Protein backbone atom coordinates (compact mmCIF):
# COMPACT_ATOMS: atom_id res chain seq x y z
CA MET A 1 1.94 -35.23 52.16
CA LYS A 2 3.65 -38.18 51.28
CA SER A 3 0.27 -40.44 51.71
CA GLN A 4 -1.58 -37.61 49.48
CA ILE A 5 0.85 -38.07 46.76
CA GLN A 6 0.45 -41.78 46.58
CA ILE A 7 -3.44 -42.10 46.47
CA ILE A 8 -3.10 -39.54 44.10
CA VAL A 9 -0.84 -41.44 41.71
CA ILE A 10 -2.60 -44.47 41.92
CA VAL A 11 -6.15 -43.67 41.40
CA ILE A 12 -4.36 -42.05 38.05
CA ALA A 13 -2.50 -45.24 37.57
CA LEU A 14 -5.38 -47.85 37.65
CA PRO A 15 -7.15 -46.94 34.48
CA PHE A 16 -3.73 -47.84 32.68
CA LEU A 17 -3.12 -50.78 34.51
CA GLY A 18 -6.04 -52.66 32.20
CA LEU A 19 -5.43 -51.18 29.15
CA SER A 20 -3.94 -52.71 25.74
CA GLN A 21 0.02 -52.78 26.34
CA ASN A 22 1.03 -51.79 22.52
CA LYS A 23 -0.92 -48.68 23.10
CA PHE A 24 0.66 -47.39 26.46
CA SER A 25 4.47 -45.26 26.40
CA VAL A 26 5.93 -43.72 29.15
CA GLY A 27 8.65 -41.23 28.83
CA ALA A 28 10.20 -38.02 31.00
CA ASN A 29 9.60 -34.58 30.44
CA GLY A 30 11.32 -31.21 31.38
CA ASN A 31 9.50 -27.70 31.15
CA SER A 32 10.51 -23.87 31.56
CA GLN A 33 7.43 -21.92 32.37
CA PHE A 34 7.32 -18.22 32.27
CA SER A 35 4.81 -15.95 34.90
CA LEU A 36 3.23 -12.87 34.34
CA MET A 37 1.83 -11.31 37.42
CA THR A 38 -0.83 -8.70 37.25
CA ILE A 39 -2.31 -6.57 39.69
CA LYS A 40 -5.89 -6.73 40.20
CA ASP A 41 -6.25 -3.96 42.96
CA SER A 42 -3.02 -1.81 43.87
CA GLN A 43 -3.04 -0.03 47.40
CA ALA A 44 -0.03 1.72 46.73
CA ALA A 45 0.03 5.54 47.25
CA SER A 46 -0.07 8.27 44.70
CA GLY A 47 3.22 8.61 42.65
CA ILE A 48 4.28 5.25 43.51
CA ASP A 49 3.75 2.57 40.38
CA GLU A 50 3.07 -1.39 41.62
CA LYS A 51 3.23 -3.79 38.70
CA GLY A 52 3.56 -7.52 37.94
CA GLY A 53 6.74 -8.72 36.34
CA VAL A 54 7.98 -11.62 34.49
CA GLY A 55 9.16 -14.88 36.67
CA VAL A 56 10.61 -17.94 35.47
CA GLY A 57 10.07 -21.23 36.49
CA TYR A 58 10.98 -25.17 35.55
CA SER A 59 9.32 -28.66 35.99
CA ILE A 60 10.78 -31.97 35.23
CA GLY A 61 8.43 -35.52 35.90
CA ILE A 62 7.74 -38.90 34.45
CA GLN A 63 4.83 -39.29 32.23
CA ALA A 64 2.55 -42.53 31.00
CA GLN A 65 0.58 -42.13 27.54
CA TYR A 66 -2.45 -44.26 25.86
CA ALA A 67 -3.50 -44.11 22.52
CA LEU A 68 -7.59 -43.57 22.66
CA LYS A 69 -7.82 -44.51 19.27
CA GLU A 70 -5.35 -43.56 16.19
CA LYS A 71 -5.21 -39.89 17.03
CA THR A 72 -6.61 -39.33 20.51
CA PHE A 73 -4.34 -39.76 23.51
CA LEU A 74 -4.69 -39.76 27.48
CA ARG A 75 -1.51 -38.67 29.42
CA SER A 76 -1.07 -38.31 33.17
CA GLY A 77 2.23 -38.60 35.21
CA ILE A 78 4.00 -36.57 37.97
CA ASN A 79 6.23 -33.50 37.90
CA TYR A 80 8.27 -31.43 40.35
CA GLN A 81 7.28 -27.66 39.83
CA ASN A 82 9.16 -24.67 40.79
CA ARG A 83 7.41 -21.79 39.88
CA LYS A 84 8.38 -18.02 40.23
CA ASN A 85 6.33 -14.80 40.48
CA ARG A 86 7.42 -11.81 40.24
CA HIS A 87 6.15 -7.98 41.38
CA LYS A 88 7.54 -4.52 41.45
CA ILE A 89 7.22 -1.21 42.86
CA GLU A 90 8.99 1.41 41.58
CA GLY A 91 9.05 5.20 42.32
CA LEU A 92 10.21 4.92 45.92
CA ARG A 93 12.00 7.85 47.75
CA PHE A 94 13.94 6.75 50.95
CA GLY A 95 16.33 9.41 52.84
CA THR A 96 19.42 8.48 50.63
CA ASP A 97 16.69 9.35 47.25
CA ILE A 98 15.81 12.89 48.69
CA ILE A 99 19.13 13.62 49.45
CA ASN A 100 20.95 12.88 46.14
CA ASP A 101 17.18 12.89 44.20
CA THR A 102 16.94 9.84 42.77
CA GLU A 103 14.47 7.03 43.03
CA SER A 104 14.08 3.30 44.62
CA SER A 105 12.39 0.25 43.51
CA ILE A 106 11.50 -3.26 45.27
CA GLN A 107 11.75 -6.46 43.36
CA ASN A 108 9.50 -9.09 45.13
CA ASP A 109 9.92 -12.80 44.35
CA ILE A 110 7.45 -15.74 45.26
CA THR A 111 8.55 -19.06 44.55
CA ILE A 112 6.16 -21.81 44.84
CA THR A 113 7.36 -25.49 45.14
CA SER A 114 4.82 -28.16 44.27
CA ILE A 115 4.00 -31.56 43.17
CA GLY A 116 2.03 -31.03 40.18
CA ILE A 117 -0.13 -34.31 38.60
CA PRO A 118 -0.99 -33.47 34.91
CA ILE A 119 -3.82 -35.24 33.41
CA ASP A 120 -4.16 -33.94 29.39
CA PHE A 121 -6.54 -35.26 26.32
CA GLY A 122 -4.13 -34.50 23.14
CA TYR A 123 -4.97 -34.91 19.50
CA SER A 124 -2.61 -35.51 16.65
CA ILE A 125 -2.46 -34.29 13.13
CA LYS A 126 -0.49 -36.44 10.56
CA SER A 127 1.97 -34.00 8.12
CA LYS A 128 3.47 -35.00 5.11
CA ASN A 129 6.58 -35.61 6.69
CA GLU A 130 6.67 -39.47 8.41
CA LYS A 131 8.42 -38.48 11.05
CA ILE A 132 6.77 -35.22 12.06
CA THR A 133 2.93 -35.56 13.92
CA TYR A 134 1.29 -32.48 14.93
CA ILE A 135 -0.56 -32.27 18.36
CA ILE A 136 -2.88 -30.03 20.48
CA GLY A 137 -5.06 -30.54 23.11
CA LEU A 138 -6.23 -29.29 26.40
CA GLY A 139 -5.70 -30.64 29.92
CA GLY A 140 -4.87 -29.81 33.61
CA VAL A 141 -2.93 -30.39 36.65
CA ILE A 142 -3.67 -31.20 40.26
CA ASN A 143 -0.88 -29.58 42.71
CA VAL A 144 0.61 -30.71 45.81
CA ASN A 145 2.08 -27.39 47.52
CA LEU A 146 5.65 -28.02 49.33
CA GLY A 147 6.23 -24.79 50.04
CA THR A 148 6.41 -20.86 49.39
CA LYS A 149 8.96 -18.48 49.91
CA THR A 150 9.62 -15.07 49.44
CA LYS A 151 12.56 -13.54 48.32
CA ALA A 152 12.75 -9.74 48.31
CA LYS A 153 15.49 -6.51 47.42
CA ILE A 154 15.61 -2.84 47.32
CA LEU A 155 17.07 -1.56 44.22
CA HIS A 156 18.70 1.81 44.58
CA ASP A 157 20.03 3.99 41.80
CA GLN A 158 23.41 5.03 43.68
CA ILE A 159 24.35 2.73 46.10
CA ASP A 160 24.26 -1.14 46.95
CA ASP A 161 20.92 -3.13 46.68
CA GLU A 162 19.81 -4.30 49.87
CA GLU A 163 17.75 -7.40 50.55
CA LEU A 164 14.67 -6.96 52.80
CA THR A 165 14.24 -9.84 55.54
CA GLN A 166 10.53 -9.30 56.45
CA ALA A 167 9.24 -9.33 52.88
CA GLU A 168 6.04 -11.09 53.65
CA ASN A 169 3.12 -11.89 51.16
CA GLY A 170 -0.26 -14.07 51.38
CA VAL A 171 -0.96 -16.56 48.84
CA ASP A 172 -4.02 -18.60 48.01
CA GLU A 173 -3.02 -21.66 46.36
CA SER A 174 -5.15 -23.69 44.50
CA ILE A 175 -5.17 -26.97 43.61
CA PHE A 176 -5.53 -26.81 40.04
CA THR A 177 -3.78 -25.16 37.04
CA MET A 178 -5.76 -25.21 33.68
CA GLY A 179 -4.20 -25.08 30.25
CA ILE A 180 -3.98 -25.68 26.52
CA PHE A 181 -1.34 -26.91 24.43
CA GLY A 182 0.20 -27.75 20.61
CA GLY A 183 3.28 -28.66 18.94
CA MET A 184 4.82 -31.41 17.22
CA GLU A 185 6.39 -35.08 18.01
CA MET A 186 9.56 -36.07 15.77
CA LYS A 187 10.12 -39.52 15.63
CA LEU A 188 13.57 -40.43 16.43
CA SER A 189 13.62 -44.35 16.21
CA GLU A 190 10.91 -46.96 15.98
CA LYS A 191 10.88 -46.89 19.89
CA MET A 192 11.52 -43.07 20.48
CA VAL A 193 9.94 -40.03 20.01
CA LEU A 194 11.07 -36.37 20.72
CA GLY A 195 8.32 -34.09 21.69
CA ILE A 196 7.59 -30.10 21.93
CA GLU A 197 4.85 -28.37 22.95
CA PRO A 198 4.40 -24.71 23.66
CA ASN A 199 1.68 -24.16 26.34
CA LEU A 200 -0.57 -21.69 28.11
CA ARG A 201 -1.74 -22.09 31.61
CA PHE A 202 -3.80 -20.28 34.14
CA THR A 203 -3.27 -21.27 38.38
CA PRO A 204 -6.08 -19.40 39.90
CA ASN A 205 -3.69 -18.18 42.66
CA ASN A 206 -4.62 -15.17 44.58
CA PHE A 207 -1.74 -13.35 46.06
CA THR A 208 -1.91 -10.58 48.56
CA LEU A 209 1.43 -8.42 47.76
CA TYR A 210 4.25 -7.39 50.29
CA LEU A 211 3.79 -3.82 51.55
CA TYR A 212 0.35 -2.32 50.21
CA ASN A 213 -1.89 -5.29 50.50
CA SER A 214 -2.66 -5.27 46.62
CA LYS A 215 -4.05 -7.99 44.96
CA ALA A 216 -2.81 -10.34 42.00
CA SER A 217 -3.03 -13.29 39.78
CA THR A 218 -1.15 -14.76 37.10
CA PHE A 219 -0.48 -15.97 33.61
CA GLU A 220 1.49 -18.81 32.58
CA THR A 221 3.50 -19.78 29.49
CA GLY A 222 6.25 -22.23 28.49
CA ILE A 223 7.57 -24.71 26.36
CA THR A 224 7.72 -28.55 27.44
CA PHE A 225 10.34 -30.83 25.83
CA ARG A 226 9.40 -34.90 26.02
CA VAL A 227 10.91 -38.15 25.30
CA ARG A 228 8.58 -40.85 25.08
CA LEU A 229 9.47 -44.57 24.55
CA LYS A 230 6.86 -46.96 22.94
């Protein structure tokens, strides 16, 4: 695993090494990510509602950016990613529900951790304010999986919730993510820039979900904060 990450980083870094240093900048970033799971093929029994939920994840990392021309740039780096995907099953009736005339549900969280190698191509648009520049772009992420973990619990109406210890999901994880981004950069000083970038991403993971073996996929949206040193 470590050798694979090192090879990827070296391959990405090599093009930057021979480039003009006055167009080169480095920085750090943090991202808050929301994923929406969609059920593609529910196998749930009649009367049971199986639906996707919203999961919250994050990433942190370092970046390198190179100005290709006055208005275009190429950006890469390395990030630690923690992405949570949520799935719910509602309308379940266990023994206590039949007695009490209630319903229960299952909340199923699938957390994927990985190393991400982003490759972004962006375009800058100057504003009337000299300290603000708008940016738009597209790109992708090469994902190196570190692990997948499931945590599920039964949510009861009238008694305490209980954790499921045998909630297993199948995840066919994709090695890449595709996305678009936009936002702005604010000049804090001659050497420091703050970037705020909302984004929309798609990672073509395929999920086989606990209990009914239903199929699902996810879309992701979020916002990234960047600090860049010129």
